[in-house]
Amino acid sequence: MRNENILNISRLFKIASENYIIELSNIHGQGTFAKHDFGANQEIQLALKFDKESHDVITFIRTSFAKKVNHEIPANMYLKKIGMDFYFCAARFISSGEELTTDYNKYKEIIKRESLAFGKAIKVL
């Protein structure tokens, strides 16, 4: 009974923004869910915010949204660099209510490519 009560309370407490809501996921723990439809390649949410650059390291801050995005293959979002920041964009049409996911392996590949392009280590906090 206690676990059912906790589950019901957690469903009532949802973190939301204009584009997404965080709630229980069938993939793992909590996940991010689309609040409306997104067209293919549409920008969804900031993922990694540029923080600072030193002589050998570039630091990015992972957003609270990015921390809640679950891994799935195939994913429905990909990372795109815009200016010095990285955003999640829709890899295909995403329906309202659908869980927003990314492929952690591709996410890591993009960070590695960025590191090689700058000739510096990338640190993600």
PDB file of N, CA and C in Angstrom:
ATOM      1  N   MET A   1       0.830  -1.198   0.000  1.00  0.00           N
ATOM      2  CA  MET A   1       0.000   0.000   0.000  1.00  0.00           C
ATOM      3  C   MET A   1       0.871   1.257   0.000  1.00  0.00           C
ATOM      4  N   ARG A   2       1.945   1.260   0.775  1.00  0.00           N
ATOM      5  CA  ARG A   2       2.823   2.423   0.856  1.00  0.00           C
ATOM      6  C   ARG A   2       3.407   2.762  -0.511  1.00  0.00           C
ATOM      7  N   ASN A   3       3.862   1.760  -1.290  1.00  0.00           N
ATOM      8  CA  ASN A   3       4.416   2.001  -2.621  1.00  0.00           C
ATOM      9  C   ASN A   3       3.379   2.579  -3.572  1.00  0.00           C
ATOM     10  N   GLU A   4       2.132   2.139  -3.462  1.00  0.00           N
ATOM     11  CA  GLU A   4       1.062   2.695  -4.295  1.00  0.00           C
ATOM     12  C   GLU A   4       0.851   4.166  -3.976  1.00  0.00           C
ATOM     13  N   ASN A   5       0.900   4.531  -2.691  1.00  0.00           N
ATOM     14  CA  ASN A   5       0.734   5.931  -2.293  1.00  0.00           C
ATOM     15  C   ASN A   5       1.864   6.794  -2.828  1.00  0.00           C
ATOM     16  N   ILE A   6       3.100   6.283  -2.738  1.00  0.00           N
ATOM     17  CA  ILE A   6       4.250   7.024  -3.271  1.00  0.00           C
ATOM     18  C   ILE A   6       4.095   7.218  -4.768  1.00  0.00           C
ATOM     19  N   LEU A   7       3.669   6.178  -5.477  1.00  0.00           N
ATOM     20  CA  LEU A   7       3.471   6.249  -6.920  1.00  0.00           C
ATOM     21  C   LEU A   7       2.421   7.296  -7.267  1.00  0.00           C
ATOM     22  N   ASN A   8       1.305   7.308  -6.543  1.00  0.00           N
ATOM     23  CA  ASN A   8       0.246   8.289  -6.806  1.00  0.00           C
ATOM     24  C   ASN A   8       0.723   9.714  -6.539  1.00  0.00           C
ATOM     25  N   ILE A   9       1.492   9.917  -5.483  1.00  0.00           N
ATOM     26  CA  ILE A   9       2.023  11.247  -5.178  1.00  0.00           C
ATOM     27  C   ILE A   9       2.993  11.690  -6.267  1.00  0.00           C
ATOM     28  N   SER A  10       3.854  10.768  -6.731  1.00  0.00           N
ATOM     29  CA  SER A  10       4.830  11.142  -7.755  1.00  0.00           C
ATOM     30  C   SER A  10       4.148  11.512  -9.066  1.00  0.00           C
ATOM     31  N   ARG A  11       3.014  10.913  -9.353  1.00  0.00           N
ATOM     32  CA  ARG A  11       2.282  11.269 -10.575  1.00  0.00           C
ATOM     33  C   ARG A  11       1.681  12.668 -10.464  1.00  0.00           C
ATOM     34  N   LEU A  12       1.336  13.075  -9.252  1.00  0.00           N
ATOM     35  CA  LEU A  12       0.785  14.416  -9.057  1.00  0.00           C
ATOM     36  C   LEU A  12       1.866  15.486  -9.167  1.00  0.00           C
ATOM     37  N   PHE A  13       3.088  15.144  -8.772  1.00  0.00           N
ATOM     38  CA  PHE A  13       4.194  16.096  -8.801  1.00  0.00           C
ATOM     39  C   PHE A  13       4.942  15.936 -10.117  1.00  0.00           C
ATOM     40  N   LYS A  14       4.650  16.764 -11.077  1.00  0.00           N
ATOM     41  CA  LYS A  14       5.278  16.701 -12.388  1.00  0.00           C
ATOM     42  C   LYS A  14       6.007  18.006 -12.652  1.00  0.00           C
ATOM     43  N   ILE A  15       7.220  17.884 -13.134  1.00  0.00           N
ATOM     44  CA  ILE A  15       8.004  19.061 -13.499  1.00  0.00           C
ATOM     45  C   ILE A  15       7.713  19.353 -14.959  1.00  0.00           C
ATOM     46  N   ALA A  16       7.369  20.587 -15.263  1.00  0.00           N
ATOM     47  CA  ALA A  16       6.966  20.899 -16.632  1.00  0.00           C
ATOM     48  C   ALA A  16       7.623  22.170 -17.139  1.00  0.00           C
ATOM     49  N   SER A  17       7.738  22.261 -18.444  1.00  0.00           N
ATOM     50  CA  SER A  17       8.163  23.474 -19.122  1.00  0.00           C
ATOM     51  C   SER A  17       7.212  23.652 -20.300  1.00  0.00           C
ATOM     52  N   GLU A  18       7.524  24.593 -21.134  1.00  0.00           N
ATOM     53  CA  GLU A  18       6.699  24.849 -22.310  1.00  0.00           C
ATOM     54  C   GLU A  18       6.682  23.653 -23.268  1.00  0.00           C
ATOM     55  N   ASN A  19       7.815  22.952 -23.379  1.00  0.00           N
ATOM     56  CA  ASN A  19       7.947  21.885 -24.364  1.00  0.00           C
ATOM     57  C   ASN A  19       7.849  20.470 -23.817  1.00  0.00           C
ATOM     58  N   TYR A  20       8.056  20.288 -22.521  1.00  0.00           N
ATOM     59  CA  TYR A  20       8.090  18.928 -21.991  1.00  0.00           C
ATOM     60  C   TYR A  20       7.564  18.861 -20.567  1.00  0.00           C
ATOM     61  N   ILE A  21       7.287  17.649 -20.153  1.00  0.00           N
ATOM     62  CA  ILE A  21       6.895  17.363 -18.777  1.00  0.00           C
ATOM     63  C   ILE A  21       7.724  16.162 -18.323  1.00  0.00           C
ATOM     64  N   ILE A  22       8.090  16.124 -17.063  1.00  0.00           N
ATOM     65  CA  ILE A  22       8.842  14.993 -16.509  1.00  0.00           C
ATOM     66  C   ILE A  22       7.882  14.164 -15.673  1.00  0.00           C
ATOM     67  N   GLU A  23       7.806  12.877 -16.002  1.00  0.00           N
ATOM     68  CA  GLU A  23       6.969  11.963 -15.240  1.00  0.00           C
ATOM     69  C   GLU A  23       7.532  10.555 -15.322  1.00  0.00           C
ATOM     70  N   LEU A  24       6.847   9.595 -14.732  1.00  0.00           N
ATOM     71  CA  LEU A  24       7.332   8.220 -14.719  1.00  0.00           C
ATOM     72  C   LEU A  24       7.462   7.674 -16.138  1.00  0.00           C
ATOM     73  N   SER A  25       8.552   6.945 -16.363  1.00  0.00           N
ATOM     74  CA  SER A  25       8.864   6.398 -17.678  1.00  0.00           C
ATOM     75  C   SER A  25       8.738   4.879 -17.683  1.00  0.00           C
ATOM     76  N   ASN A  26       8.336   4.335 -18.814  1.00  0.00           N
ATOM     77  CA  ASN A  26       8.340   2.880 -18.994  1.00  0.00           C
ATOM     78  C   ASN A  26       9.743   2.385 -19.335  1.00  0.00           C
ATOM     79  N   ILE A  27      10.644   3.309 -19.683  1.00  0.00           N
ATOM     80  CA  ILE A  27      12.020   2.942 -20.032  1.00  0.00           C
ATOM     81  C   ILE A  27      12.858   2.804 -18.768  1.00  0.00           C
ATOM     82  N   HIS A  28      12.863   3.870 -17.947  1.00  0.00           N
ATOM     83  CA  HIS A  28      13.648   3.852 -16.713  1.00  0.00           C
ATOM     84  C   HIS A  28      13.288   5.060 -15.847  1.00  0.00           C
ATOM     85  N   GLY A  29      12.938   4.828 -14.605  1.00  0.00           N
ATOM     86  CA  GLY A  29      12.710   5.915 -13.653  1.00  0.00           C
ATOM     87  C   GLY A  29      11.777   6.988 -14.176  1.00  0.00           C
ATOM     88  N   GLN A  30      12.278   8.214 -14.182  1.00  0.00           N
ATOM     89  CA  GLN A  30      11.521   9.334 -14.733  1.00  0.00           C
ATOM     90  C   GLN A  30      12.019   9.626 -16.138  1.00  0.00           C
ATOM     91  N   GLY A  31      11.159  10.188 -16.953  1.00  0.00           N
ATOM     92  CA  GLY A  31      11.528  10.549 -18.314  1.00  0.00           C
ATOM     93  C   GLY A  31      10.907  11.870 -18.711  1.00  0.00           C
ATOM     94  N   THR A  32      11.297  12.346 -19.876  1.00  0.00           N
ATOM     95  CA  THR A  32      10.768  13.599 -20.415  1.00  0.00           C
ATOM     96  C   THR A  32       9.759  13.259 -21.509  1.00  0.00           C
ATOM     97  N   PHE A  33       8.636  13.963 -21.501  1.00  0.00           N
ATOM     98  CA  PHE A  33       7.562  13.691 -22.445  1.00  0.00           C
ATOM     99  C   PHE A  33       7.147  14.981 -23.155  1.00  0.00           C
ATOM    100  N   ALA A  34       6.898  14.874 -24.446  1.00  0.00           N
ATOM    101  CA  ALA A  34       6.530  16.036 -25.259  1.00  0.00           C
ATOM    102  C   ALA A  34       5.172  16.590 -24.829  1.00  0.00           C
ATOM    103  N   LYS A  35       5.101  17.912 -24.656  1.00  0.00           N
ATOM    104  CA  LYS A  35       3.828  18.557 -24.318  1.00  0.00           C
ATOM    105  C   LYS A  35       3.018  18.896 -25.560  1.00  0.00           C
ATOM    106  N   HIS A  36       3.685  18.863 -26.712  1.00  0.00           N
ATOM    107  CA  HIS A  36       2.991  19.111 -27.988  1.00  0.00           C
ATOM    108  C   HIS A  36       3.768  18.405 -29.088  1.00  0.00           C
ATOM    109  N   ASP A  37       3.245  18.405 -30.290  1.00  0.00           N
ATOM    110  CA  ASP A  37       3.922  17.770 -31.423  1.00  0.00           C
ATOM    111  C   ASP A  37       5.173  18.563 -31.809  1.00  0.00           C
ATOM    112  N   PHE A  38       6.177  17.841 -32.300  1.00  0.00           N
ATOM    113  CA  PHE A  38       7.390  18.446 -32.842  1.00  0.00           C
ATOM    114  C   PHE A  38       7.615  17.891 -34.238  1.00  0.00           C
ATOM    115  N   GLY A  39       7.910  18.767 -35.183  1.00  0.00           N
ATOM    116  CA  GLY A  39       8.251  18.343 -36.530  1.00  0.00           C
ATOM    117  C   GLY A  39       9.689  17.872 -36.590  1.00  0.00           C
ATOM    118  N   ALA A  40      10.013  17.083 -37.603  1.00  0.00           N
ATOM    119  CA  ALA A  40      11.385  16.598 -37.777  1.00  0.00           C
ATOM    120  C   ALA A  40      12.351  17.776 -37.812  1.00  0.00           C
ATOM    121  N   ASN A  41      13.470  17.649 -37.106  1.00  0.00           N
ATOM    122  CA  ASN A  41      14.546  18.649 -37.008  1.00  0.00           C
ATOM    123  C   ASN A  41      14.183  19.888 -36.195  1.00  0.00           C
ATOM    124  N   GLN A  42      13.016  19.908 -35.594  1.00  0.00           N
ATOM    125  CA  GLN A  42      12.615  21.060 -34.779  1.00  0.00           C
ATOM    126  C   GLN A  42      13.405  21.061 -33.467  1.00  0.00           C
ATOM    127  N   GLU A  43      13.870  22.238 -33.072  1.00  0.00           N
ATOM    128  CA  GLU A  43      14.575  22.406 -31.802  1.00  0.00           C
ATOM    129  C   GLU A  43      13.597  22.165 -30.662  1.00  0.00           C
ATOM    130  N   ILE A  44      14.025  21.347 -29.683  1.00  0.00           N
ATOM    131  CA  ILE A  44      13.146  21.008 -28.563  1.00  0.00           C
ATOM    132  C   ILE A  44      13.575  21.702 -27.277  1.00  0.00           C
ATOM    133  N   GLN A  45      14.844  21.519 -26.880  1.00  0.00           N
ATOM    134  CA  GLN A  45      15.267  22.061 -25.584  1.00  0.00           C
ATOM    135  C   GLN A  45      16.788  22.111 -25.508  1.00  0.00           C
ATOM    136  N   LEU A  46      17.302  23.076 -24.757  1.00  0.00           N
ATOM    137  CA  LEU A  46      18.729  23.176 -24.479  1.00  0.00           C
ATOM    138  C   LEU A  46      19.189  21.924 -23.732  1.00  0.00           C
ATOM    139  N   ALA A  47      20.308  21.341 -24.163  1.00  0.00           N
ATOM    140  CA  ALA A  47      20.851  20.134 -23.526  1.00  0.00           C
ATOM    141  C   ALA A  47      22.141  20.431 -22.770  1.00  0.00           C
ATOM    142  N   LEU A  48      23.091  21.086 -23.449  1.00  0.00           N
ATOM    143  CA  LEU A  48      24.390  21.403 -22.853  1.00  0.00           C
ATOM    144  C   LEU A  48      24.680  22.884 -23.043  1.00  0.00           C
ATOM    145  N   LYS A  49      24.833  23.582 -21.938  1.00  0.00           N
ATOM    146  CA  LYS A  49      25.095  25.022 -21.966  1.00  0.00           C
ATOM    147  C   LYS A  49      26.592  25.260 -21.812  1.00  0.00           C
ATOM    148  N   PHE A  50      27.173  26.021 -22.768  1.00  0.00           N
ATOM    149  CA  PHE A  50      28.592  26.365 -22.669  1.00  0.00           C
ATOM    150  C   PHE A  50      28.825  27.098 -21.356  1.00  0.00           C
ATOM    151  N   ASP A  51      29.877  26.696 -20.629  1.00  0.00           N
ATOM    152  CA  ASP A  51      30.193  27.312 -19.353  1.00  0.00           C
ATOM    153  C   ASP A  51      31.459  28.146 -19.446  1.00  0.00           C
ATOM    154  N   LYS A  52      32.580  27.485 -19.782  1.00  0.00           N
ATOM    155  CA  LYS A  52      33.840  28.227 -19.858  1.00  0.00           C
ATOM    156  C   LYS A  52      34.853  27.441 -20.677  1.00  0.00           C
ATOM    157  N   GLU A  53      35.886  28.161 -21.081  1.00  0.00           N
ATOM    158  CA  GLU A  53      36.964  27.557 -21.860  1.00  0.00           C
ATOM    159  C   GLU A  53      38.289  27.973 -21.240  1.00  0.00           C
ATOM    160  N   SER A  54      39.146  26.994 -20.984  1.00  0.00           N
ATOM    161  CA  SER A  54      40.495  27.284 -20.508  1.00  0.00           C
ATOM    162  C   SER A  54      41.471  26.884 -21.611  1.00  0.00           C
ATOM    163  N   HIS A  55      42.754  26.899 -21.329  1.00  0.00           N
ATOM    164  CA  HIS A  55      43.733  26.590 -22.366  1.00  0.00           C
ATOM    165  C   HIS A  55      43.648  25.140 -22.855  1.00  0.00           C
ATOM    166  N   ASP A  56      43.095  24.222 -22.037  1.00  0.00           N
ATOM    167  CA  ASP A  56      43.046  22.825 -22.473  1.00  0.00           C
ATOM    168  C   ASP A  56      41.700  22.126 -22.269  1.00  0.00           C
ATOM    169  N   VAL A  57      40.698  22.834 -21.708  1.00  0.00           N
ATOM    170  CA  VAL A  57      39.399  22.215 -21.430  1.00  0.00           C
ATOM    171  C   VAL A  57      38.247  23.173 -21.769  1.00  0.00           C
ATOM    172  N   ILE A  58      37.203  22.618 -22.368  1.00  0.00           N
ATOM    173  CA  ILE A  58      35.952  23.351 -22.574  1.00  0.00           C
ATOM    174  C   ILE A  58      34.913  22.687 -21.682  1.00  0.00           C
ATOM    175  N   THR A  59      34.222  23.490 -20.887  1.00  0.00           N
ATOM    176  CA  THR A  59      33.251  22.948 -19.938  1.00  0.00           C
ATOM    177  C   THR A  59      31.826  23.313 -20.352  1.00  0.00           C
ATOM    178  N   PHE A  60      30.940  22.308 -20.286  1.00  0.00           N
ATOM    179  CA  PHE A  60      29.511  22.483 -20.547  1.00  0.00           C
ATOM    180  C   PHE A  60      28.737  22.044 -19.304  1.00  0.00           C
ATOM    181  N   ILE A  61      27.605  22.668 -19.071  1.00  0.00           N
ATOM    182  CA  ILE A  61      26.703  22.289 -17.983  1.00  0.00           C
ATOM    183  C   ILE A  61      25.523  21.550 -18.601  1.00  0.00           C
ATOM    184  N   ARG A  62      25.276  20.334 -18.124  1.00  0.00           N
ATOM    185  CA  ARG A  62      24.127  19.557 -18.598  1.00  0.00           C
ATOM    186  C   ARG A  62      22.878  20.093 -17.915  1.00  0.00           C
ATOM    187  N   THR A  63      21.850  20.401 -18.687  1.00  0.00           N
ATOM    188  CA  THR A  63      20.616  20.973 -18.144  1.00  0.00           C
ATOM    189  C   THR A  63      19.822  19.916 -17.376  1.00  0.00           C
ATOM    190  N   SER A  64      18.907  20.378 -16.534  1.00  0.00           N
ATOM    191  CA  SER A  64      18.053  19.446 -15.789  1.00  0.00           C
ATOM    192  C   SER A  64      17.229  18.604 -16.759  1.00  0.00           C
ATOM    193  N   PHE A  65      16.857  19.184 -17.888  1.00  0.00           N
ATOM    194  CA  PHE A  65      16.136  18.428 -18.926  1.00  0.00           C
ATOM    195  C   PHE A  65      17.006  17.280 -19.427  1.00  0.00           C
ATOM    196  N   ALA A  66      18.252  17.577 -19.797  1.00  0.00           N
ATOM    197  CA  ALA A  66      19.156  16.557 -20.340  1.00  0.00           C
ATOM    198  C   ALA A  66      19.406  15.435 -19.334  1.00  0.00           C
ATOM    199  N   LYS A  67      19.399  15.777 -18.059  1.00  0.00           N
ATOM    200  CA  LYS A  67      19.631  14.772 -17.029  1.00  0.00           C
ATOM    201  C   LYS A  67      18.493  13.761 -16.928  1.00  0.00           C
ATOM    202  N   LYS A  68      17.317  14.123 -17.406  1.00  0.00           N
ATOM    203  CA  LYS A  68      16.139  13.247 -17.312  1.00  0.00           C
ATOM    204  C   LYS A  68      15.819  12.506 -18.610  1.00  0.00           C
ATOM    205  N   VAL A  69      16.520  12.824 -19.687  1.00  0.00           N
ATOM    206  CA  VAL A  69      16.252  12.171 -20.972  1.00  0.00           C
ATOM    207  C   VAL A  69      16.798  10.748 -20.931  1.00  0.00           C
ATOM    208  N   ASN A  70      15.957   9.788 -21.264  1.00  0.00           N
ATOM    209  CA  ASN A  70      16.349   8.380 -21.257  1.00  0.00           C
ATOM    210  C   ASN A  70      16.957   7.953 -22.587  1.00  0.00           C
ATOM    211  N   HIS A  71      17.737   6.873 -22.522  1.00  0.00           N
ATOM    212  CA  HIS A  71      18.405   6.268 -23.686  1.00  0.00           C
ATOM    213  C   HIS A  71      17.451   5.305 -24.378  1.00  0.00           C
ATOM    214  N   GLU A  72      17.415   5.398 -25.704  1.00  0.00           N
ATOM    215  CA  GLU A  72      16.641   4.445 -26.498  1.00  0.00           C
ATOM    216  C   GLU A  72      17.195   4.429 -27.912  1.00  0.00           C
ATOM    217  N   ILE A  73      17.209   3.239 -28.512  1.00  0.00           N
ATOM    218  CA  ILE A  73      17.626   3.094 -29.911  1.00  0.00           C
ATOM    219  C   ILE A  73      16.471   2.442 -30.660  1.00  0.00           C
ATOM    220  N   PRO A  74      15.926   3.071 -31.704  1.00  0.00           N
ATOM    221  CA  PRO A  74      16.342   4.387 -32.177  1.00  0.00           C
ATOM    222  C   PRO A  74      15.759   5.489 -31.293  1.00  0.00           C
ATOM    223  N   ALA A  75      16.519   6.547 -31.148  1.00  0.00           N
ATOM    224  CA  ALA A  75      16.087   7.712 -30.360  1.00  0.00           C
ATOM    225  C   ALA A  75      15.244   8.631 -31.232  1.00  0.00           C
ATOM    226  N   ASN A  76      14.443   9.467 -30.581  1.00  0.00           N
ATOM    227  CA  ASN A  76      13.652  10.429 -31.356  1.00  0.00           C
ATOM    228  C   ASN A  76      14.230  11.841 -31.283  1.00  0.00           C
ATOM    229  N   MET A  77      15.395  12.003 -30.614  1.00  0.00           N
ATOM    230  CA  MET A  77      16.077  13.298 -30.581  1.00  0.00           C
ATOM    231  C   MET A  77      17.562  13.109 -30.862  1.00  0.00           C
ATOM    232  N   TYR A  78      18.193  14.164 -31.364  1.00  0.00           N
ATOM    233  CA  TYR A  78      19.636  14.190 -31.576  1.00  0.00           C
ATOM    234  C   TYR A  78      20.179  15.525 -31.082  1.00  0.00           C
ATOM    235  N   LEU A  79      21.481  15.584 -30.851  1.00  0.00           N
ATOM    236  CA  LEU A  79      22.139  16.821 -30.421  1.00  0.00           C
ATOM    237  C   LEU A  79      22.558  17.651 -31.625  1.00  0.00           C
ATOM    238  N   LYS A  80      22.345  18.952 -31.516  1.00  0.00           N
ATOM    239  CA  LYS A  80      22.767  19.872 -32.572  1.00  0.00           C
ATOM    240  C   LYS A  80      23.437  21.065 -31.899  1.00  0.00           C
ATOM    241  N   LYS A  81      24.616  21.436 -32.408  1.00  0.00           N
ATOM    242  CA  LYS A  81      25.318  22.590 -31.857  1.00  0.00           C
ATOM    243  C   LYS A  81      24.754  23.862 -32.473  1.00  0.00           C
ATOM    244  N   ILE A  82      24.379  24.791 -31.599  1.00  0.00           N
ATOM    245  CA  ILE A  82      23.879  26.097 -32.026  1.00  0.00           C
ATOM    246  C   ILE A  82      24.681  27.124 -31.233  1.00  0.00           C
ATOM    247  N   GLY A  83      25.548  27.854 -31.938  1.00  0.00           N
ATOM    248  CA  GLY A  83      26.469  28.754 -31.249  1.00  0.00           C
ATOM    249  C   GLY A  83      27.451  27.917 -30.459  1.00  0.00           C
ATOM    250  N   MET A  84      27.580  28.174 -29.174  1.00  0.00           N
ATOM    251  CA  MET A  84      28.468  27.388 -28.312  1.00  0.00           C
ATOM    252  C   MET A  84      27.691  26.365 -27.481  1.00  0.00           C
ATOM    253  N   ASP A  85      26.377  26.298 -27.628  1.00  0.00           N
ATOM    254  CA  ASP A  85      25.534  25.388 -26.862  1.00  0.00           C
ATOM    255  C   ASP A  85      25.063  24.219 -27.728  1.00  0.00           C
ATOM    256  N   PHE A  86      24.577  23.177 -27.069  1.00  0.00           N
ATOM    257  CA  PHE A  86      23.998  22.029 -27.758  1.00  0.00           C
ATOM    258  C   PHE A  86      22.526  21.918 -27.401  1.00  0.00           C
ATOM    259  N   TYR A  87      21.709  21.686 -28.404  1.00  0.00           N
ATOM    260  CA  TYR A  87      20.264  21.537 -28.224  1.00  0.00           C
ATOM    261  C   TYR A  87      19.831  20.153 -28.677  1.00  0.00           C
ATOM    262  N   PHE A  88      18.765  19.652 -28.042  1.00  0.00           N
ATOM    263  CA  PHE A  88      18.116  18.457 -28.545  1.00  0.00           C
ATOM    264  C   PHE A  88      17.130  18.890 -29.617  1.00  0.00           C
ATOM    265  N   CYS A  89      17.164  18.190 -30.748  1.00  0.00           N
ATOM    266  CA  CYS A  89      16.238  18.438 -31.851  1.00  0.00           C
ATOM    267  C   CYS A  89      15.528  17.136 -32.198  1.00  0.00           C
ATOM    268  N   ALA A  90      14.354  17.247 -32.777  1.00  0.00           N
ATOM    269  CA  ALA A  90      13.561  16.075 -33.142  1.00  0.00           C
ATOM    270  C   ALA A  90      14.201  15.348 -34.323  1.00  0.00           C
ATOM    271  N   ALA A  91      14.466  14.066 -34.171  1.00  0.00           N
ATOM    272  CA  ALA A  91      15.038  13.254 -35.242  1.00  0.00           C
ATOM    273  C   ALA A  91      13.966  12.871 -36.268  1.00  0.00           C
ATOM    274  N   ARG A  92      12.721  12.979 -35.863  1.00  0.00           N
ATOM    275  CA  ARG A  92      11.564  12.655 -36.702  1.00  0.00           C
ATOM    276  C   ARG A  92      10.369  13.353 -36.080  1.00  0.00           C
ATOM    277  N   PHE A  93       9.208  13.199 -36.667  1.00  0.00           N
ATOM    278  CA  PHE A  93       7.998  13.754 -36.062  1.00  0.00           C
ATOM    279  C   PHE A  93       7.795  13.094 -34.697  1.00  0.00           C
ATOM    280  N   ILE A  94       7.525  13.904 -33.677  1.00  0.00           N
ATOM    281  CA  ILE A  94       7.270  13.407 -32.324  1.00  0.00           C
ATOM    282  C   ILE A  94       5.879  13.870 -31.912  1.00  0.00           C
ATOM    283  N   SER A  95       5.058  12.926 -31.471  1.00  0.00           N
ATOM    284  CA  SER A  95       3.688  13.228 -31.055  1.00  0.00           C
ATOM    285  C   SER A  95       3.637  13.724 -29.617  1.00  0.00           C
ATOM    286  N   SER A  96       2.670  14.559 -29.339  1.00  0.00           N
ATOM    287  CA  SER A  96       2.415  15.016 -27.977  1.00  0.00           C
ATOM    288  C   SER A  96       2.220  13.799 -27.078  1.00  0.00           C
ATOM    289  N   GLY A  97       2.864  13.803 -25.905  1.00  0.00           N
ATOM    290  CA  GLY A  97       2.732  12.700 -24.966  1.00  0.00           C
ATOM    291  C   GLY A  97       3.778  11.621 -25.127  1.00  0.00           C
ATOM    292  N   GLU A  98       4.520  11.644 -26.238  1.00  0.00           N
ATOM    293  CA  GLU A  98       5.555  10.637 -26.491  1.00  0.00           C
ATOM    294  C   GLU A  98       6.793  10.942 -25.647  1.00  0.00           C
ATOM    295  N   GLU A  99       7.433   9.898 -25.134  1.00  0.00           N
ATOM    296  CA  GLU A  99       8.660  10.108 -24.358  1.00  0.00           C
ATOM    297  C   GLU A  99       9.775  10.578 -25.289  1.00  0.00           C
ATOM    298  N   LEU A 100      10.518  11.590 -24.836  1.00  0.00           N
ATOM    299  CA  LEU A 100      11.649  12.132 -25.585  1.00  0.00           C
ATOM    300  C   LEU A 100      12.895  11.344 -25.200  1.00  0.00           C
ATOM    301  N   THR A 101      13.601  10.800 -26.191  1.00  0.00           N
ATOM    302  CA  THR A 101      14.755   9.935 -25.914  1.00  0.00           C
ATOM    303  C   THR A 101      15.949  10.330 -26.771  1.00  0.00           C
ATOM    304  N   THR A 102      17.115   9.895 -26.328  1.00  0.00           N
ATOM    305  CA  THR A 102      18.332  10.104 -27.109  1.00  0.00           C
ATOM    306  C   THR A 102      19.167   8.832 -27.057  1.00  0.00           C
ATOM    307  N   ASP A 103      20.066   8.700 -28.014  1.00  0.00           N
ATOM    308  CA  ASP A 103      21.003   7.579 -28.044  1.00  0.00           C
ATOM    309  C   ASP A 103      22.270   8.045 -27.338  1.00  0.00           C
ATOM    310  N   TYR A 104      22.527   7.539 -26.138  1.00  0.00           N
ATOM    311  CA  TYR A 104      23.685   7.977 -25.355  1.00  0.00           C
ATOM    312  C   TYR A 104      24.998   7.772 -26.111  1.00  0.00           C
ATOM    313  N   ASN A 105      25.076   6.724 -26.940  1.00  0.00           N
ATOM    314  CA  ASN A 105      26.307   6.460 -27.690  1.00  0.00           C
ATOM    315  C   ASN A 105      26.581   7.573 -28.700  1.00  0.00           C
ATOM    316  N   LYS A 106      25.556   8.017 -29.425  1.00  0.00           N
ATOM    317  CA  LYS A 106      25.730   9.116 -30.386  1.00  0.00           C
ATOM    318  C   LYS A 106      26.033  10.419 -29.662  1.00  0.00           C
ATOM    319  N   TYR A 107      25.422  10.606 -28.512  1.00  0.00           N
ATOM    320  CA  TYR A 107      25.646  11.778 -27.660  1.00  0.00           C
ATOM    321  C   TYR A 107      27.139  11.859 -27.329  1.00  0.00           C
ATOM    322  N   LYS A 108      27.720  10.730 -26.920  1.00  0.00           N
ATOM    323  CA  LYS A 108      29.147  10.680 -26.573  1.00  0.00           C
ATOM    324  C   LYS A 108      30.026  10.908 -27.802  1.00  0.00           C
ATOM    325  N   GLU A 109      29.612  10.382 -28.957  1.00  0.00           N
ATOM    326  CA  GLU A 109      30.378  10.575 -30.200  1.00  0.00           C
ATOM    327  C   GLU A 109      30.449  12.052 -30.578  1.00  0.00           C
ATOM    328  N   ILE A 110      29.351  12.760 -30.422  1.00  0.00           N
ATOM    329  CA  ILE A 110      29.305  14.192 -30.753  1.00  0.00           C
ATOM    330  C   ILE A 110      30.253  14.972 -29.848  1.00  0.00           C
ATOM    331  N   ILE A 111      30.263  14.643 -28.569  1.00  0.00           N
ATOM    332  CA  ILE A 111      31.165  15.316 -27.623  1.00  0.00           C
ATOM    333  C   ILE A 111      32.619  15.018 -27.994  1.00  0.00           C
ATOM    334  N   LYS A 112      32.901  13.774 -28.379  1.00  0.00           N
ATOM    335  CA  LYS A 112      34.262  13.402 -28.769  1.00  0.00           C
ATOM    336  C   LYS A 112      34.694  14.163 -30.027  1.00  0.00           C
ATOM    337  N   ARG A 113      33.806  14.263 -31.025  1.00  0.00           N
ATOM    338  CA  ARG A 113      34.114  15.022 -32.254  1.00  0.00           C
ATOM    339  C   ARG A 113      34.393  16.479 -31.938  1.00  0.00           C
ATOM    340  N   GLU A 114      33.597  17.035 -31.029  1.00  0.00           N
ATOM    341  CA  GLU A 114      33.769  18.438 -30.630  1.00  0.00           C
ATOM    342  C   GLU A 114      35.144  18.622 -29.976  1.00  0.00           C
ATOM    343  N   SER A 115      35.523  17.679 -29.150  1.00  0.00           N
ATOM    344  CA  SER A 115      36.819  17.713 -28.481  1.00  0.00           C
ATOM    345  C   SER A 115      37.954  17.709 -29.508  1.00  0.00           C
ATOM    346  N   LEU A 116      37.844  16.839 -30.497  1.00  0.00           N
ATOM    347  CA  LEU A 116      38.870  16.756 -31.541  1.00  0.00           C
ATOM    348  C   LEU A 116      38.915  18.034 -32.382  1.00  0.00           C
ATOM    349  N   ALA A 117      37.748  18.600 -32.681  1.00  0.00           N
ATOM    350  CA  ALA A 117      37.687  19.815 -33.493  1.00  0.00           C
ATOM    351  C   ALA A 117      38.376  20.993 -32.799  1.00  0.00           C
ATOM    352  N   PHE A 118      38.221  21.084 -31.489  1.00  0.00           N
ATOM    353  CA  PHE A 118      38.818  22.180 -30.740  1.00  0.00           C
ATOM    354  C   PHE A 118      40.234  21.863 -30.271  1.00  0.00           C
ATOM    355  N   GLY A 119      40.592  20.587 -30.310  1.00  0.00           N
ATOM    356  CA  GLY A 119      41.895  20.186 -29.803  1.00  0.00           C
ATOM    357  C   GLY A 119      41.990  20.346 -28.290  1.00  0.00           C
ATOM    358  N   LYS A 120      40.848  20.242 -27.633  1.00  0.00           N
ATOM    359  CA  LYS A 120      40.770  20.383 -26.188  1.00  0.00           C
ATOM    360  C   LYS A 120      39.874  19.297 -25.606  1.00  0.00           C
ATOM    361  N   ALA A 121      40.070  19.005 -24.337  1.00  0.00           N
ATOM    362  CA  ALA A 121      39.188  18.078 -23.645  1.00  0.00           C
ATOM    363  C   ALA A 121      37.834  18.745 -23.422  1.00  0.00           C
ATOM    364  N   ILE A 122      36.785  17.955 -23.430  1.00  0.00           N
ATOM    365  CA  ILE A 122      35.438  18.447 -23.128  1.00  0.00           C
ATOM    366  C   ILE A 122      35.036  17.882 -21.779  1.00  0.00           C
ATOM    367  N   LYS A 123      34.556  18.753 -20.909  1.00  0.00           N
ATOM    368  CA  LYS A 123      34.080  18.339 -19.596  1.00  0.00           C
ATOM    369  C   LYS A 123      32.597  18.689 -19.509  1.00  0.00           C
ATOM    370  N   VAL A 124      31.771  17.703 -19.173  1.00  0.00           N
ATOM    371  CA  VAL A 124      30.339  17.934 -19.029  1.00  0.00           C
ATOM    372  C   VAL A 124      29.968  17.737 -17.565  1.00  0.00           C
ATOM    373  N   LEU A 125      29.440  18.789 -16.962  1.00  0.00           N
ATOM    374  CA  LEU A 125      29.046  18.732 -15.550  1.00  0.00           C
ATOM    375  C   LEU A 125      27.574  18.451 -15.421  1.00  0.00           C
TER     376      LEU A 125
END
